[in-house]
Amino acid sequence: MLRMLFLSALIAGVVAVSTSLVTPAEAARCTRAPLSDIAFGKEETIKQALSKLDDYAKRIAKERGWPSDNLARSRETSECEVFLNLGPFGTEYKCLVTATYCVR
């Protein structure tokens, strides 16, 4: 009985995962874009990197022949580390921002 329950749960999980996967045609219209930037203040560095990342994604879309005005950005991830600590003058951060862009 326990084996049958486990097997049915396993089959249900496989079916759920296989139906939620991205098709190759959809994957061909998406790209993962990373960009790093260095600036003073962590929030400002992330903000600048996101702005530059959008411009970079539009350039990638143009190179691939995609309509660059119709890109959807996924939730981005950001990782920051101290690049240069100048004590009382402030701290520079190096942040890597990554997001997936897809044509709508």
Protein backbone atom coordinates (compact mmCIF):
# COMPACT_ATOMS: atom_id res chain seq x y z
CA MET A 1 0.00 0.00 0.00
CA LEU A 2 2.79 2.39 0.92
CA ARG A 3 4.63 1.52 -2.31
CA MET A 4 1.54 2.28 -4.38
CA LEU A 5 1.11 5.66 -2.66
CA PHE A 6 4.77 6.52 -3.22
CA LEU A 7 4.61 5.46 -6.87
CA SER A 8 1.48 7.54 -7.56
CA ALA A 9 3.05 10.59 -5.86
CA LEU A 10 6.20 10.12 -7.93
CA ILE A 11 4.23 9.89 -11.18
CA ALA A 12 2.18 12.97 -10.26
CA GLY A 13 5.40 14.89 -9.56
CA VAL A 14 6.95 13.89 -12.87
CA VAL A 15 3.82 14.92 -14.77
CA ALA A 16 3.69 18.28 -12.97
CA VAL A 17 7.35 19.02 -13.68
CA SER A 18 7.19 17.96 -17.31
CA THR A 19 4.19 20.18 -18.04
CA SER A 20 5.83 23.25 -16.45
CA LEU A 21 9.08 23.08 -18.40
CA VAL A 22 9.91 25.73 -20.97
CA THR A 23 9.67 24.51 -24.54
CA PRO A 24 12.74 24.89 -26.78
CA ALA A 25 10.96 27.54 -28.87
CA GLU A 26 10.30 29.61 -25.76
CA ALA A 27 13.85 29.14 -24.49
CA ALA A 28 15.23 30.39 -27.79
CA ARG A 29 13.47 33.72 -27.15
CA CYS A 30 14.98 34.19 -23.66
CA THR A 31 18.43 35.15 -22.47
CA ARG A 32 20.11 35.34 -19.07
CA ALA A 33 22.09 38.59 -18.78
CA PRO A 34 24.64 39.36 -16.05
CA LEU A 35 26.25 42.76 -15.45
CA SER A 36 28.56 44.06 -12.75
CA ASP A 37 29.14 47.65 -11.71
CA ILE A 38 31.25 49.52 -9.16
CA ALA A 39 30.01 52.62 -7.33
CA PHE A 40 29.74 54.21 -3.89
CA GLY A 41 26.92 52.85 -1.74
CA LYS A 42 25.36 49.45 -2.14
CA GLU A 43 21.85 50.63 -3.12
CA GLU A 44 23.19 53.11 -5.67
CA THR A 45 25.46 50.46 -7.21
CA ILE A 46 22.53 48.03 -7.62
CA LYS A 47 20.36 50.81 -9.10
CA GLN A 48 23.06 51.77 -11.64
CA ALA A 49 23.73 48.14 -12.55
CA LEU A 50 20.00 47.48 -13.15
CA SER A 51 19.76 50.49 -15.43
CA LYS A 52 22.80 49.36 -17.41
CA LEU A 53 21.47 45.78 -17.46
CA ASP A 54 18.27 46.90 -19.20
CA ASP A 55 20.33 48.72 -21.85
CA TYR A 56 22.57 45.66 -22.24
CA ALA A 57 19.54 43.36 -22.67
CA LYS A 58 18.12 45.67 -25.36
CA ARG A 59 21.44 45.49 -27.20
CA ILE A 60 21.45 41.68 -27.00
CA ALA A 61 17.85 41.59 -28.29
CA LYS A 62 18.77 43.84 -31.21
CA GLU A 63 21.75 41.61 -32.11
CA ARG A 64 19.44 38.56 -32.11
CA GLY A 65 16.75 40.29 -34.16
CA TRP A 66 14.22 40.40 -31.32
CA PRO A 67 11.94 43.39 -30.74
CA SER A 68 13.84 45.20 -27.97
CA ASP A 69 10.84 47.27 -26.89
CA ASN A 70 8.87 44.15 -25.92
CA LEU A 71 11.17 42.46 -23.36
CA ALA A 72 9.96 41.10 -20.05
CA ARG A 73 12.48 40.97 -17.20
CA SER A 74 12.33 38.31 -14.54
CA ARG A 75 13.05 39.09 -10.93
CA GLU A 76 16.72 39.97 -10.79
CA THR A 77 19.31 38.69 -8.37
CA SER A 78 22.11 40.82 -6.99
CA GLU A 79 25.28 40.03 -5.11
CA CYS A 80 27.51 42.76 -3.68
CA GLU A 81 30.93 42.83 -2.09
CA VAL A 82 33.14 45.61 -0.76
CA PHE A 83 35.45 46.73 -3.55
CA LEU A 84 37.27 49.59 -1.84
CA ASN A 85 36.81 50.87 1.71
CA LEU A 86 37.90 54.50 2.01
CA GLY A 87 36.99 54.83 5.67
CA PRO A 88 35.30 58.18 6.39
CA PHE A 89 35.04 58.99 2.66
CA GLY A 90 32.76 56.04 1.88
CA THR A 91 32.82 52.50 0.57
CA GLU A 92 32.78 51.35 -3.03
CA TYR A 93 30.83 48.22 -3.80
CA LYS A 94 31.07 45.82 -6.71
CA CYS A 95 27.66 44.34 -7.46
CA LEU A 96 26.70 41.61 -9.92
CA VAL A 97 23.09 41.86 -11.11
CA THR A 98 21.57 39.04 -13.19
CA ALA A 99 18.14 38.72 -14.79
CA THR A 100 16.40 36.68 -17.49
CA TYR A 101 14.86 38.61 -20.37
CA CYS A 102 12.22 37.08 -22.64
CA VAL A 103 10.33 38.39 -25.63
CA ARG A 104 6.64 38.77 -24.76
